[in-house]
């Protein structure tokens, strides 16, 4: 993994942790009433899942492009 990806991953994790800490702090300050901050954890999980699915689709497209390029080279040579 490249250094750029590691730094980006650490920054995203740190910022998510800061926002989550603030949300739980706000929720703890209330008296048995939860507002929009209760939806933060499911939202993060949903965003991670969507990102994972997009990553899979991106890999499929890259593989098909590579295969397509190989097929064209074979036709040109043959």
N, C-alpha and C. Protein backbone atom coordinates (compact mmCIF):
# COMPACT_ATOMS: atom_id res chain seq x y z
N UNK A 1 0.85 -1.17 0.00
CA UNK A 1 0.00 0.00 0.00
C UNK A 1 0.89 1.23 0.00
N UNK A 2 0.53 2.21 -0.80
CA UNK A 2 1.36 3.40 -0.91
C UNK A 2 1.19 4.30 0.31
N UNK A 3 2.15 5.17 0.50
CA UNK A 3 2.14 6.09 1.63
C UNK A 3 0.93 7.02 1.55
N UNK A 4 0.58 7.44 0.36
CA UNK A 4 -0.57 8.33 0.19
C UNK A 4 -1.86 7.68 0.66
N UNK A 5 -2.05 6.41 0.32
CA UNK A 5 -3.25 5.70 0.74
C UNK A 5 -3.27 5.50 2.26
N UNK A 6 -2.11 5.23 2.84
CA UNK A 6 -2.04 5.05 4.29
C UNK A 6 -2.39 6.35 5.01
N UNK A 7 -1.85 7.47 4.54
CA UNK A 7 -2.14 8.77 5.15
C UNK A 7 -3.62 9.10 5.01
N UNK A 8 -4.19 8.84 3.84
CA UNK A 8 -5.61 9.11 3.61
C UNK A 8 -6.48 8.24 4.52
N UNK A 9 -6.12 6.99 4.67
CA UNK A 9 -6.87 6.08 5.54
C UNK A 9 -6.79 6.53 7.00
N UNK A 10 -5.61 6.93 7.45
CA UNK A 10 -5.46 7.40 8.82
C UNK A 10 -6.24 8.69 9.05
N UNK A 11 -6.21 9.61 8.10
CA UNK A 11 -6.94 10.86 8.24
C UNK A 11 -8.45 10.61 8.28
N UNK A 12 -8.94 9.72 7.43
CA UNK A 12 -10.37 9.40 7.43
C UNK A 12 -10.78 8.74 8.74
N UNK A 13 -9.96 7.82 9.23
CA UNK A 13 -10.26 7.16 10.51
C UNK A 13 -10.25 8.13 11.67
N UNK A 14 -9.27 9.04 11.68
CA UNK A 14 -9.17 10.01 12.76
C UNK A 14 -10.37 10.96 12.74
N UNK A 15 -10.72 11.48 11.56
CA UNK A 15 -11.85 12.41 11.48
C UNK A 15 -13.16 11.72 11.84
N UNK A 16 -13.33 10.46 11.44
CA UNK A 16 -14.53 9.72 11.82
C UNK A 16 -14.59 9.54 13.33
N UNK A 17 -13.46 9.22 13.94
CA UNK A 17 -13.41 9.06 15.39
C UNK A 17 -13.74 10.35 16.13
N UNK A 18 -13.25 11.47 15.63
CA UNK A 18 -13.53 12.76 16.27
C UNK A 18 -15.02 13.08 16.20
N UNK A 19 -15.62 12.90 15.03
CA UNK A 19 -17.05 13.18 14.87
C UNK A 19 -17.87 12.22 15.72
N UNK A 20 -17.47 10.95 15.77
CA UNK A 20 -18.21 9.97 16.56
C UNK A 20 -18.12 10.32 18.05
N UNK A 21 -16.95 10.73 18.51
CA UNK A 21 -16.78 11.13 19.90
C UNK A 21 -17.67 12.33 20.23
N UNK A 22 -17.72 13.30 19.33
CA UNK A 22 -18.58 14.47 19.54
C UNK A 22 -20.05 14.07 19.57
N UNK A 23 -20.45 13.16 18.68
CA UNK A 23 -21.84 12.72 18.64
C UNK A 23 -22.23 11.99 19.93
N UNK A 24 -21.36 11.10 20.40
CA UNK A 24 -21.67 10.38 21.64
C UNK A 24 -21.64 11.32 22.84
N UNK A 25 -20.75 12.31 22.82
CA UNK A 25 -20.72 13.31 23.89
C UNK A 25 -22.00 14.11 23.94
N UNK A 26 -22.49 14.51 22.78
CA UNK A 26 -23.75 15.26 22.70
C UNK A 26 -24.91 14.39 23.15
N UNK A 27 -24.90 13.13 22.76
CA UNK A 27 -25.99 12.23 23.14
C UNK A 27 -25.98 11.99 24.65
N UNK A 28 -24.78 11.90 25.23
CA UNK A 28 -24.68 11.70 26.68
C UNK A 28 -25.12 12.91 27.48
N UNK A 29 -25.06 14.10 26.90
CA UNK A 29 -25.45 15.32 27.60
C UNK A 29 -26.97 15.47 27.67
N UNK A 30 -27.69 14.75 26.87
CA UNK A 30 -29.15 14.85 26.86
C UNK A 30 -29.77 13.91 27.89
N UNK A 31 -31.00 14.20 28.22
CA UNK A 31 -31.70 13.36 29.20
C UNK A 31 -32.65 12.40 28.49
N UNK A 32 -32.16 11.25 28.13
CA UNK A 32 -32.95 10.16 27.53
C UNK A 32 -33.64 10.52 26.22
N UNK A 33 -33.15 11.51 25.54
CA UNK A 33 -33.70 11.80 24.22
C UNK A 33 -32.55 11.79 23.22
N UNK A 34 -32.76 11.09 22.16
CA UNK A 34 -31.72 11.01 21.13
C UNK A 34 -32.19 11.77 19.90
N UNK A 35 -31.30 12.53 19.34
CA UNK A 35 -31.61 13.28 18.12
C UNK A 35 -30.98 12.60 16.92
N UNK A 36 -30.53 13.41 15.98
CA UNK A 36 -29.96 12.90 14.75
C UNK A 36 -28.63 12.20 14.94
N UNK A 37 -27.93 12.47 16.05
CA UNK A 37 -26.62 11.83 16.24
C UNK A 37 -26.73 10.32 16.45
N UNK A 38 -27.92 9.83 16.76
CA UNK A 38 -28.09 8.38 16.92
C UNK A 38 -27.93 7.68 15.57
N UNK A 39 -28.14 8.41 14.47
CA UNK A 39 -28.02 7.84 13.12
C UNK A 39 -26.60 7.86 12.59
N UNK A 40 -25.65 8.39 13.35
CA UNK A 40 -24.29 8.55 12.84
C UNK A 40 -23.61 7.21 12.58
N UNK A 41 -23.69 6.28 13.53
CA UNK A 41 -23.02 4.99 13.37
C UNK A 41 -23.59 4.21 12.19
N UNK A 42 -24.92 4.08 12.06
CA UNK A 42 -25.43 3.39 10.86
C UNK A 42 -25.04 4.09 9.56
N UNK A 43 -24.96 5.43 9.58
CA UNK A 43 -24.57 6.16 8.38
C UNK A 43 -23.13 5.82 7.99
N UNK A 44 -22.23 5.76 8.96
CA UNK A 44 -20.84 5.41 8.69
C UNK A 44 -20.76 3.99 8.13
N UNK A 45 -21.49 3.07 8.72
CA UNK A 45 -21.49 1.69 8.22
C UNK A 45 -22.02 1.62 6.79
N UNK A 46 -23.05 2.38 6.50
CA UNK A 46 -23.60 2.41 5.15
C UNK A 46 -22.60 2.99 4.16
N UNK A 47 -21.91 4.06 4.54
CA UNK A 47 -20.91 4.65 3.65
C UNK A 47 -19.75 3.70 3.39
N UNK A 48 -19.32 2.97 4.42
CA UNK A 48 -18.24 1.98 4.23
C UNK A 48 -18.69 0.89 3.28
N UNK A 49 -19.92 0.42 3.45
CA UNK A 49 -20.45 -0.64 2.58
C UNK A 49 -20.55 -0.17 1.13
N UNK A 50 -21.06 1.04 0.93
CA UNK A 50 -21.18 1.58 -0.44
C UNK A 50 -19.80 1.73 -1.06
N UNK A 51 -18.84 2.23 -0.29
CA UNK A 51 -17.47 2.36 -0.79
C UNK A 51 -16.88 1.02 -1.19
N UNK A 52 -17.15 0.00 -0.39
CA UNK A 52 -16.66 -1.35 -0.69
C UNK A 52 -17.26 -1.88 -1.99
N UNK A 53 -18.56 -1.63 -2.20
CA UNK A 53 -19.21 -2.08 -3.42
C UNK A 53 -18.66 -1.34 -4.65
N UNK A 54 -18.45 -0.03 -4.51
CA UNK A 54 -17.89 0.75 -5.62
C UNK A 54 -16.49 0.26 -5.94
N UNK A 55 -15.71 -0.08 -4.92
CA UNK A 55 -14.37 -0.61 -5.14
C UNK A 55 -14.41 -1.89 -5.95
N UNK A 56 -15.34 -2.76 -5.63
CA UNK A 56 -15.48 -4.01 -6.37
C UNK A 56 -15.84 -3.78 -7.83
N UNK A 57 -16.76 -2.85 -8.06
CA UNK A 57 -17.14 -2.54 -9.44
C UNK A 57 -15.97 -1.91 -10.20
N UNK A 58 -15.21 -1.07 -9.52
CA UNK A 58 -14.05 -0.43 -10.16
C UNK A 58 -13.02 -1.48 -10.58
N UNK A 59 -12.81 -2.47 -9.73
CA UNK A 59 -11.87 -3.54 -10.08
C UNK A 59 -12.35 -4.35 -11.28
N UNK A 60 -13.67 -4.60 -11.34
CA UNK A 60 -14.22 -5.34 -12.48
C UNK A 60 -14.00 -4.57 -13.78
N UNK A 61 -14.23 -3.26 -13.74
CA UNK A 61 -14.05 -2.44 -14.93
C UNK A 61 -12.59 -2.44 -15.36
N UNK A 62 -11.67 -2.31 -14.40
CA UNK A 62 -10.24 -2.31 -14.73
C UNK A 62 -9.82 -3.63 -15.35
N UNK A 63 -10.33 -4.74 -14.79
CA UNK A 63 -9.99 -6.05 -15.35
C UNK A 63 -10.53 -6.20 -16.76
N UNK A 64 -11.75 -5.74 -17.00
CA UNK A 64 -12.32 -5.87 -18.34
C UNK A 64 -11.57 -4.99 -19.34
N UNK A 65 -11.11 -3.83 -18.90
CA UNK A 65 -10.33 -2.98 -19.80
C UNK A 65 -9.02 -3.64 -20.15
N UNK A 66 -8.37 -4.25 -19.15
CA UNK A 66 -7.11 -4.95 -19.43
C UNK A 66 -7.33 -6.09 -20.40
N UNK A 67 -8.39 -6.85 -20.20
CA UNK A 67 -8.68 -7.97 -21.10
C UNK A 67 -8.99 -7.46 -22.50
N UNK A 68 -9.72 -6.37 -22.58
CA UNK A 68 -10.04 -5.78 -23.88
C UNK A 68 -8.80 -5.33 -24.62
N UNK A 69 -7.86 -4.73 -23.91
CA UNK A 69 -6.61 -4.30 -24.54
C UNK A 69 -5.81 -5.49 -25.03
N UNK A 70 -5.79 -6.57 -24.27
CA UNK A 70 -5.06 -7.77 -24.70
C UNK A 70 -5.69 -8.38 -25.94
N UNK A 71 -7.01 -8.37 -26.02
CA UNK A 71 -7.68 -8.92 -27.20
C UNK A 71 -7.36 -8.09 -28.44
N UNK A 72 -7.30 -6.78 -28.31
CA UNK A 72 -6.98 -5.92 -29.46
C UNK A 72 -5.56 -6.18 -29.95
N UNK A 73 -4.64 -6.36 -29.05
CA UNK A 73 -3.24 -6.62 -29.44
C UNK A 73 -3.14 -7.93 -30.20
N UNK A 74 -3.91 -8.93 -29.77
CA UNK A 74 -3.87 -10.23 -30.46
C UNK A 74 -4.41 -10.11 -31.88
N UNK A 75 -5.46 -9.29 -32.04
CA UNK A 75 -6.07 -9.13 -33.37
C UNK A 75 -5.09 -8.39 -34.28
N UNK A 76 -4.43 -7.36 -33.76
CA UNK A 76 -3.48 -6.58 -34.57
C UNK A 76 -2.30 -7.42 -35.00
N UNK A 77 -1.79 -8.28 -34.12
CA UNK A 77 -0.64 -9.11 -34.44
C UNK A 77 -1.02 -10.25 -35.38
N UNK A 78 -2.19 -10.83 -35.15
CA UNK A 78 -2.57 -12.04 -35.87
C UNK A 78 -3.22 -11.72 -37.15
